[in-house]
């Protein structure tokens, strides 16, 4: 399942450069995660890197985008084919 950034975000800028899929970008008020690009770092790392570095723990799973690990791997493979 894709991740999301909640309104507890303090705009510390540490998550964006950690995302291997460039799924994180500045939003109007806080950073946002594009669910079409977020694979929870499947294919790149064992754990989501944005979650690892977030100092306020404001990056939970996005319930609007339920995906299995297999689906995340397929998304990763499609993204890598586009590069």
PDB file of N, CA and C in Angstrom:
ATOM      1  N   UNK A   1       0.856  -1.163   0.000  1.00  0.00           N
ATOM      2  CA  UNK A   1       0.000   0.000   0.000  1.00  0.00           C
ATOM      3  C   UNK A   1       0.896   1.217   0.000  1.00  0.00           C
ATOM      4  N   UNK A   2       0.513   2.206  -0.745  1.00  0.00           N
ATOM      5  CA  UNK A   2       1.290   3.439  -0.790  1.00  0.00           C
ATOM      6  C   UNK A   2       1.263   4.097   0.580  1.00  0.00           C
ATOM      7  N   UNK A   3       2.224   4.938   0.809  1.00  0.00           N
ATOM      8  CA  UNK A   3       2.303   5.679   2.055  1.00  0.00           C
ATOM      9  C   UNK A   3       1.699   7.061   1.863  1.00  0.00           C
ATOM     10  N   UNK A   4       1.473   7.763   2.964  1.00  0.00           N
ATOM     11  CA  UNK A   4       0.960   9.126   2.916  1.00  0.00           C
ATOM     12  C   UNK A   4       1.632   9.931   4.017  1.00  0.00           C
ATOM     13  N   UNK A   5       1.640  11.222   3.867  1.00  0.00           N
ATOM     14  CA  UNK A   5       2.194  12.107   4.884  1.00  0.00           C
ATOM     15  C   UNK A   5       1.035  12.837   5.534  1.00  0.00           C
ATOM     16  N   UNK A   6       0.980  12.777   6.849  1.00  0.00           N
ATOM     17  CA  UNK A   6      -0.125  13.401   7.586  1.00  0.00           C
ATOM     18  C   UNK A   6       0.199  14.860   7.909  1.00  0.00           C
ATOM     19  N   UNK A   7      -0.797  15.552   8.448  1.00  0.00           N
ATOM     20  CA  UNK A   7      -0.611  16.969   8.755  1.00  0.00           C
ATOM     21  C   UNK A   7       0.292  17.224   9.959  1.00  0.00           C
ATOM     22  N   UNK A   8       0.824  16.159  10.551  1.00  0.00           N
ATOM     23  CA  UNK A   8       1.831  16.338  11.597  1.00  0.00           C
ATOM     24  C   UNK A   8       3.202  16.668  11.001  1.00  0.00           C
ATOM     25  N   UNK A   9       3.315  16.614   9.684  1.00  0.00           N
ATOM     26  CA  UNK A   9       4.570  16.908   8.980  1.00  0.00           C
ATOM     27  C   UNK A   9       5.079  18.293   9.386  1.00  0.00           C
ATOM     28  N   UNK A  10       6.373  18.375   9.663  1.00  0.00           N
ATOM     29  CA  UNK A  10       6.982  19.648  10.047  1.00  0.00           C
ATOM     30  C   UNK A  10       7.825  20.242   8.904  1.00  0.00           C
ATOM     31  N   UNK A  11       7.705  19.693   7.719  1.00  0.00           N
ATOM     32  CA  UNK A  11       8.440  20.179   6.547  1.00  0.00           C
ATOM     33  C   UNK A  11       9.938  20.258   6.796  1.00  0.00           C
ATOM     34  N   UNK A  12      10.477  19.211   7.361  1.00  0.00           N
ATOM     35  CA  UNK A  12      11.901  19.200   7.698  1.00  0.00           C
ATOM     36  C   UNK A  12      12.785  18.871   6.496  1.00  0.00           C
ATOM     37  N   UNK A  13      12.198  18.438   5.399  1.00  0.00           N
ATOM     38  CA  UNK A  13      12.906  18.176   4.148  1.00  0.00           C
ATOM     39  C   UNK A  13      13.771  16.911   4.141  1.00  0.00           C
ATOM     40  N   UNK A  14      13.656  16.037   5.117  1.00  0.00           N
ATOM     41  CA  UNK A  14      14.534  14.864   5.110  1.00  0.00           C
ATOM     42  C   UNK A  14      13.974  13.700   4.303  1.00  0.00           C
ATOM     43  N   UNK A  15      12.676  13.638   4.103  1.00  0.00           N
ATOM     44  CA  UNK A  15      12.081  12.494   3.403  1.00  0.00           C
ATOM     45  C   UNK A  15      12.264  12.550   1.891  1.00  0.00           C
ATOM     46  N   UNK A  16      12.102  13.720   1.318  1.00  0.00           N
ATOM     47  CA  UNK A  16      12.110  13.844  -0.151  1.00  0.00           C
ATOM     48  C   UNK A  16      13.368  13.258  -0.802  1.00  0.00           C
ATOM     49  N   UNK A  17      14.566  13.599  -0.351  1.00  0.00           N
ATOM     50  CA  UNK A  17      15.749  13.045  -1.025  1.00  0.00           C
ATOM     51  C   UNK A  17      15.972  11.556  -0.780  1.00  0.00           C
ATOM     52  N   UNK A  18      15.302  10.985   0.203  1.00  0.00           N
ATOM     53  CA  UNK A  18      15.459   9.562   0.508  1.00  0.00           C
ATOM     54  C   UNK A  18      14.630   8.664  -0.392  1.00  0.00           C
ATOM     55  N   UNK A  19      13.631   9.207  -1.071  1.00  0.00           N
ATOM     56  CA  UNK A  19      12.719   8.395  -1.877  1.00  0.00           C
ATOM     57  C   UNK A  19      13.374   7.985  -3.193  1.00  0.00           C
ATOM     58  N   UNK A  20      13.572   6.686  -3.405  1.00  0.00           N
ATOM     59  CA  UNK A  20      14.217   6.235  -4.639  1.00  0.00           C
ATOM     60  C   UNK A  20      13.331   6.367  -5.877  1.00  0.00           C
ATOM     61  N   UNK A  21      12.040   6.587  -5.686  1.00  0.00           N
ATOM     62  CA  UNK A  21      11.113   6.701  -6.812  1.00  0.00           C
ATOM     63  C   UNK A  21      10.675   8.136  -7.082  1.00  0.00           C
ATOM     64  N   UNK A  22      11.245   9.090  -6.375  1.00  0.00           N
ATOM     65  CA  UNK A  22      10.835  10.492  -6.493  1.00  0.00           C
ATOM     66  C   UNK A  22       9.327  10.669  -6.314  1.00  0.00           C
ATOM     67  N   UNK A  23       8.761   9.905  -5.370  1.00  0.00           N
ATOM     68  CA  UNK A  23       7.325   9.967  -5.108  1.00  0.00           C
ATOM     69  C   UNK A  23       6.957  11.090  -4.145  1.00  0.00           C
ATOM     70  N   UNK A  24       7.938  11.678  -3.468  1.00  0.00           N
ATOM     71  CA  UNK A  24       7.675  12.710  -2.475  1.00  0.00           C
ATOM     72  C   UNK A  24       8.024  14.075  -3.047  1.00  0.00           C
ATOM     73  N   UNK A  25       7.096  15.014  -2.855  1.00  0.00           N
ATOM     74  CA  UNK A  25       7.326  16.371  -3.333  1.00  0.00           C
ATOM     75  C   UNK A  25       6.653  17.364  -2.385  1.00  0.00           C
ATOM     76  N   UNK A  26       7.107  18.619  -2.419  1.00  0.00           N
ATOM     77  CA  UNK A  26       6.455  19.628  -1.582  1.00  0.00           C
ATOM     78  C   UNK A  26       5.022  19.851  -2.048  1.00  0.00           C
ATOM     79  N   UNK A  27       4.120  19.883  -1.096  1.00  0.00           N
ATOM     80  CA  UNK A  27       2.733  20.199  -1.400  1.00  0.00           C
ATOM     81  C   UNK A  27       2.448  21.644  -1.036  1.00  0.00           C
ATOM     82  N   UNK A  28       1.196  22.008  -0.989  1.00  0.00           N
ATOM     83  CA  UNK A  28       0.814  23.378  -0.660  1.00  0.00           C
ATOM     84  C   UNK A  28       1.237  23.721   0.770  1.00  0.00           C
ATOM     85  N   UNK A  29       0.962  22.796   1.711  1.00  0.00           N
ATOM     86  CA  UNK A  29       1.306  23.059   3.107  1.00  0.00           C
ATOM     87  C   UNK A  29       2.345  22.086   3.657  1.00  0.00           C
ATOM     88  N   UNK A  30       2.280  20.829   3.223  1.00  0.00           N
ATOM     89  CA  UNK A  30       3.209  19.815   3.699  1.00  0.00           C
ATOM     90  C   UNK A  30       3.657  18.969   2.508  1.00  0.00           C
ATOM     91  N   UNK A  31       4.639  18.126   2.747  1.00  0.00           N
ATOM     92  CA  UNK A  31       5.085  17.220   1.690  1.00  0.00           C
ATOM     93  C   UNK A  31       3.974  16.237   1.364  1.00  0.00           C
ATOM     94  N   UNK A  32       3.977  15.745   0.131  1.00  0.00           N
ATOM     95  CA  UNK A  32       2.970  14.798  -0.336  1.00  0.00           C
ATOM     96  C   UNK A  32       3.660  13.617  -0.994  1.00  0.00           C
ATOM     97  N   UNK A  33       2.978  12.474  -0.984  1.00  0.00           N
ATOM     98  CA  UNK A  33       3.483  11.267  -1.634  1.00  0.00           C
ATOM     99  C   UNK A  33       2.540  10.903  -2.774  1.00  0.00           C
ATOM    100  N   UNK A  34       3.090  10.769  -3.961  1.00  0.00           N
ATOM    101  CA  UNK A  34       2.313  10.351  -5.126  1.00  0.00           C
ATOM    102  C   UNK A  34       2.121   8.839  -5.028  1.00  0.00           C
ATOM    103  N   UNK A  35       0.889   8.374  -4.824  1.00  0.00           N
ATOM    104  CA  UNK A  35       0.654   6.938  -4.659  1.00  0.00           C
ATOM    105  C   UNK A  35       0.974   6.114  -5.905  1.00  0.00           C
ATOM    106  N   UNK A  36       0.991   6.768  -7.075  1.00  0.00           N
ATOM    107  CA  UNK A  36       1.334   6.055  -8.300  1.00  0.00           C
ATOM    108  C   UNK A  36       2.824   5.747  -8.380  1.00  0.00           C
ATOM    109  N   UNK A  37       3.640   6.462  -7.608  1.00  0.00           N
ATOM    110  CA  UNK A  37       5.082   6.247  -7.622  1.00  0.00           C
ATOM    111  C   UNK A  37       5.601   5.555  -6.362  1.00  0.00           C
ATOM    112  N   UNK A  38       4.806   5.542  -5.309  1.00  0.00           N
ATOM    113  CA  UNK A  38       5.251   4.962  -4.032  1.00  0.00           C
ATOM    114  C   UNK A  38       5.149   3.440  -4.046  1.00  0.00           C
ATOM    115  N   UNK A  39       6.280   2.795  -3.796  1.00  0.00           N
ATOM    116  CA  UNK A  39       6.310   1.326  -3.682  1.00  0.00           C
ATOM    117  C   UNK A  39       6.702   0.895  -2.272  1.00  0.00           C
ATOM    118  N   UNK A  40       6.679   1.850  -1.325  1.00  0.00           N
ATOM    119  CA  UNK A  40       7.161   1.589   0.038  1.00  0.00           C
ATOM    120  C   UNK A  40       8.609   1.100   0.003  1.00  0.00           C
ATOM    121  N   UNK A  41       9.331   1.505  -1.003  1.00  0.00           N
ATOM    122  CA  UNK A  41      10.737   1.136  -1.238  1.00  0.00           C
ATOM    123  C   UNK A  41      10.932  -0.333  -1.602  1.00  0.00           C
ATOM    124  N   UNK A  42       9.834  -1.050  -1.878  1.00  0.00           N
ATOM    125  CA  UNK A  42       9.946  -2.423  -2.365  1.00  0.00           C
ATOM    126  C   UNK A  42      10.775  -2.391  -3.647  1.00  0.00           C
ATOM    127  N   UNK A  43      11.738  -3.288  -3.728  1.00  0.00           N
ATOM    128  CA  UNK A  43      12.636  -3.332  -4.872  1.00  0.00           C
ATOM    129  C   UNK A  43      13.916  -2.550  -4.655  1.00  0.00           C
ATOM    130  N   UNK A  44      13.889  -1.638  -3.702  1.00  0.00           N
ATOM    131  CA  UNK A  44      15.062  -0.823  -3.395  1.00  0.00           C
ATOM    132  C   UNK A  44      15.651  -1.148  -2.020  1.00  0.00           C
ATOM    133  N   UNK A  45      14.786  -1.145  -1.011  1.00  0.00           N
ATOM    134  CA  UNK A  45      15.212  -1.320   0.380  1.00  0.00           C
ATOM    135  C   UNK A  45      14.240  -2.241   1.116  1.00  0.00           C
ATOM    136  N   UNK A  46      14.664  -2.722   2.269  1.00  0.00           N
ATOM    137  CA  UNK A  46      13.800  -3.579   3.083  1.00  0.00           C
ATOM    138  C   UNK A  46      12.705  -2.790   3.788  1.00  0.00           C
ATOM    139  N   UNK A  47      12.947  -1.516   4.057  1.00  0.00           N
ATOM    140  CA  UNK A  47      11.985  -0.672   4.762  1.00  0.00           C
ATOM    141  C   UNK A  47      11.833   0.653   4.026  1.00  0.00           C
ATOM    142  N   UNK A  48      10.655   1.277   4.130  1.00  0.00           N
ATOM    143  CA  UNK A  48      10.475   2.590   3.507  1.00  0.00           C
ATOM    144  C   UNK A  48      11.462   3.597   4.101  1.00  0.00           C
ATOM    145  N   UNK A  49      12.253   4.200   3.243  1.00  0.00           N
ATOM    146  CA  UNK A  49      13.291   5.105   3.722  1.00  0.00           C
ATOM    147  C   UNK A  49      12.729   6.389   4.298  1.00  0.00           C
ATOM    148  N   UNK A  50      11.620   6.874   3.778  1.00  0.00           N
ATOM    149  CA  UNK A  50      11.019   8.088   4.328  1.00  0.00           C
ATOM    150  C   UNK A  50      10.566   7.868   5.769  1.00  0.00           C
ATOM    151  N   UNK A  51      10.022   6.693   6.030  1.00  0.00           N
ATOM    152  CA  UNK A  51       9.586   6.362   7.389  1.00  0.00           C
ATOM    153  C   UNK A  51      10.796   6.272   8.316  1.00  0.00           C
ATOM    154  N   UNK A  52      11.882   5.718   7.803  1.00  0.00           N
ATOM    155  CA  UNK A  52      13.102   5.562   8.603  1.00  0.00           C
ATOM    156  C   UNK A  52      13.660   6.910   9.053  1.00  0.00           C
ATOM    157  N   UNK A  53      13.598   7.919   8.208  1.00  0.00           N
ATOM    158  CA  UNK A  53      14.225   9.202   8.543  1.00  0.00           C
ATOM    159  C   UNK A  53      13.269  10.237   9.143  1.00  0.00           C
ATOM    160  N   UNK A  54      11.981   9.996   9.092  1.00  0.00           N
ATOM    161  CA  UNK A  54      11.004  10.981   9.578  1.00  0.00           C
ATOM    162  C   UNK A  54      11.121  11.166  11.097  1.00  0.00           C
ATOM    163  N   UNK A  55      11.413  12.394  11.542  1.00  0.00           N
ATOM    164  CA  UNK A  55      11.576  12.615  12.983  1.00  0.00           C
ATOM    165  C   UNK A  55      10.267  12.694  13.764  1.00  0.00           C
ATOM    166  N   UNK A  56       9.139  12.869  13.073  1.00  0.00           N
ATOM    167  CA  UNK A  56       7.862  12.994  13.785  1.00  0.00           C
ATOM    168  C   UNK A  56       6.905  11.844  13.508  1.00  0.00           C
ATOM    169  N   UNK A  57       7.370  10.839  12.789  1.00  0.00           N
ATOM    170  CA  UNK A  57       6.570   9.639  12.510  1.00  0.00           C
ATOM    171  C   UNK A  57       5.194   9.972  11.935  1.00  0.00           C
ATOM    172  N   UNK A  58       5.208  10.732  10.839  1.00  0.00           N
ATOM    173  CA  UNK A  58       3.943  11.163  10.227  1.00  0.00           C
ATOM    174  C   UNK A  58       3.702  10.516   8.867  1.00  0.00           C
ATOM    175  N   UNK A  59       4.286   9.314   8.640  1.00  0.00           N
ATOM    176  CA  UNK A  59       4.145   8.667   7.335  1.00  0.00           C
ATOM    177  C   UNK A  59       3.564   7.255   7.508  1.00  0.00           C
ATOM    178  N   UNK A  60       2.244   7.158   7.617  1.00  0.00           N
ATOM    179  CA  UNK A  60       1.597   5.846   7.725  1.00  0.00           C
ATOM    180  C   UNK A  60       1.211   5.299   6.341  1.00  0.00           C
ATOM    181  N   UNK A  61       0.664   4.105   6.334  1.00  0.00           N
ATOM    182  CA  UNK A  61       0.100   3.538   5.106  1.00  0.00           C
ATOM    183  C   UNK A  61      -1.115   4.348   4.703  1.00  0.00           C
ATOM    184  N   UNK A  62      -1.318   4.480   3.412  1.00  0.00           N
ATOM    185  CA  UNK A  62      -2.469   5.202   2.889  1.00  0.00           C
ATOM    186  C   UNK A  62      -3.595   4.195   2.673  1.00  0.00           C
ATOM    187  N   UNK A  63      -4.653   4.260   3.474  1.00  0.00           N
ATOM    188  CA  UNK A  63      -5.733   3.270   3.359  1.00  0.00           C
ATOM    189  C   UNK A  63      -6.495   3.335   2.042  1.00  0.00           C
ATOM    190  N   UNK A  64      -6.336   4.421   1.300  1.00  0.00           N
ATOM    191  CA  UNK A  64      -7.014   4.551   0.007  1.00  0.00           C
ATOM    192  C   UNK A  64      -6.319   3.768  -1.101  1.00  0.00           C
ATOM    193  N   UNK A  65      -5.120   3.253  -0.814  1.00  0.00           N
ATOM    194  CA  UNK A  65      -4.338   2.531  -1.822  1.00  0.00           C
ATOM    195  C   UNK A  65      -3.812   1.212  -1.268  1.00  0.00           C
ATOM    196  N   UNK A  66      -4.708   0.260  -0.994  1.00  0.00           N
ATOM    197  CA  UNK A  66      -4.252  -1.035  -0.473  1.00  0.00           C
ATOM    198  C   UNK A  66      -3.535  -1.836  -1.557  1.00  0.00           C
ATOM    199  N   UNK A  67      -2.300  -2.233  -1.272  1.00  0.00           N
ATOM    200  CA  UNK A  67      -1.512  -3.015  -2.221  1.00  0.00           C
ATOM    201  C   UNK A  67      -0.744  -4.087  -1.465  1.00  0.00           C
ATOM    202  N   UNK A  68      -0.660  -5.240  -2.056  1.00  0.00           N
ATOM    203  CA  UNK A  68       0.110  -6.335  -1.464  1.00  0.00           C
ATOM    204  C   UNK A  68       1.593  -6.145  -1.811  1.00  0.00           C
ATOM    205  N   UNK A  69       2.480  -6.836  -1.125  1.00  0.00           N
ATOM    206  CA  UNK A  69       3.905  -6.775  -1.510  1.00  0.00           C
ATOM    207  C   UNK A  69       4.129  -7.165  -2.968  1.00  0.00           C
ATOM    208  N   UNK A  70       3.380  -8.134  -3.467  1.00  0.00           N
ATOM    209  CA  UNK A  70       3.514  -8.525  -4.875  1.00  0.00           C
ATOM    210  C   UNK A  70       3.090  -7.392  -5.808  1.00  0.00           C
ATOM    211  N   UNK A  71       2.021  -6.699  -5.469  1.00  0.00           N
ATOM    212  CA  UNK A  71       1.573  -5.577  -6.277  1.00  0.00           C
ATOM    213  C   UNK A  71       2.598  -4.440  -6.248  1.00  0.00           C
ATOM    214  N   UNK A  72       3.191  -4.214  -5.073  1.00  0.00           N
ATOM    215  CA  UNK A  72       4.222  -3.178  -4.969  1.00  0.00           C
ATOM    216  C   UNK A  72       5.435  -3.540  -5.811  1.00  0.00           C
ATOM    217  N   UNK A  73       5.790  -4.817  -5.861  1.00  0.00           N
ATOM    218  CA  UNK A  73       6.916  -5.255  -6.682  1.00  0.00           C
ATOM    219  C   UNK A  73       6.608  -5.057  -8.160  1.00  0.00           C
ATOM    220  N   UNK A  74       5.390  -5.350  -8.578  1.00  0.00           N
ATOM    221  CA  UNK A  74       5.002  -5.117  -9.973  1.00  0.00           C
ATOM    222  C   UNK A  74       5.066  -3.627 -10.322  1.00  0.00           C
ATOM    223  N   UNK A  75       4.616  -2.788  -9.393  1.00  0.00           N
ATOM    224  CA  UNK A  75       4.689  -1.347  -9.613  1.00  0.00           C
ATOM    225  C   UNK A  75       6.154  -0.916  -9.743  1.00  0.00           C
ATOM    226  N   UNK A  76       7.004  -1.431  -8.861  1.00  0.00           N
ATOM    227  CA  UNK A  76       8.441  -1.136  -8.923  1.00  0.00           C
ATOM    228  C   UNK A  76       9.012  -1.528 -10.290  1.00  0.00           C
ATOM    229  N   UNK A  77       8.681  -2.732 -10.749  1.00  0.00           N
ATOM    230  CA  UNK A  77       9.200  -3.214 -12.028  1.00  0.00           C
ATOM    231  C   UNK A  77       8.737  -2.323 -13.186  1.00  0.00           C
ATOM    232  N   UNK A  78       7.494  -1.882 -13.159  1.00  0.00           N
ATOM    233  CA  UNK A  78       6.979  -0.988 -14.203  1.00  0.00           C
ATOM    234  C   UNK A  78       7.696   0.358 -14.159  1.00  0.00           C
ATOM    235  N   UNK A  79       7.921   0.877 -12.958  1.00  0.00           N
ATOM    236  CA  UNK A  79       8.624   2.150 -12.826  1.00  0.00           C
ATOM    237  C   UNK A  79      10.050   2.053 -13.340  1.00  0.00           C
ATOM    238  N   UNK A  80      10.712   0.949 -13.050  1.00  0.00           N
ATOM    239  CA  UNK A  80      12.096   0.776 -13.486  1.00  0.00           C
ATOM    240  C   UNK A  80      12.192   0.612 -15.009  1.00  0.00           C
ATOM    241  N   UNK A  81      11.154   0.029 -15.603  1.00  0.00           N
ATOM    242  CA  UNK A  81      11.134  -0.136 -17.060  1.00  0.00           C
ATOM    243  C   UNK A  81      11.007   1.212 -17.768  1.00  0.00           C
ATOM    244  N   UNK A  82      10.439   2.192 -17.091  1.00  0.00           N
ATOM    245  CA  UNK A  82      10.262   3.521 -17.671  1.00  0.00           C
ATOM    246  C   UNK A  82      11.543   4.362 -17.597  1.00  0.00           C
ATOM    247  N   UNK A  83      12.488   3.951 -16.804  1.00  0.00           N
ATOM    248  CA  UNK A  83      13.716   4.749 -16.622  1.00  0.00           C
ATOM    249  C   UNK A  83      14.729   4.439 -17.669  1.00  0.00           C
TER     250      UNK A  83
END
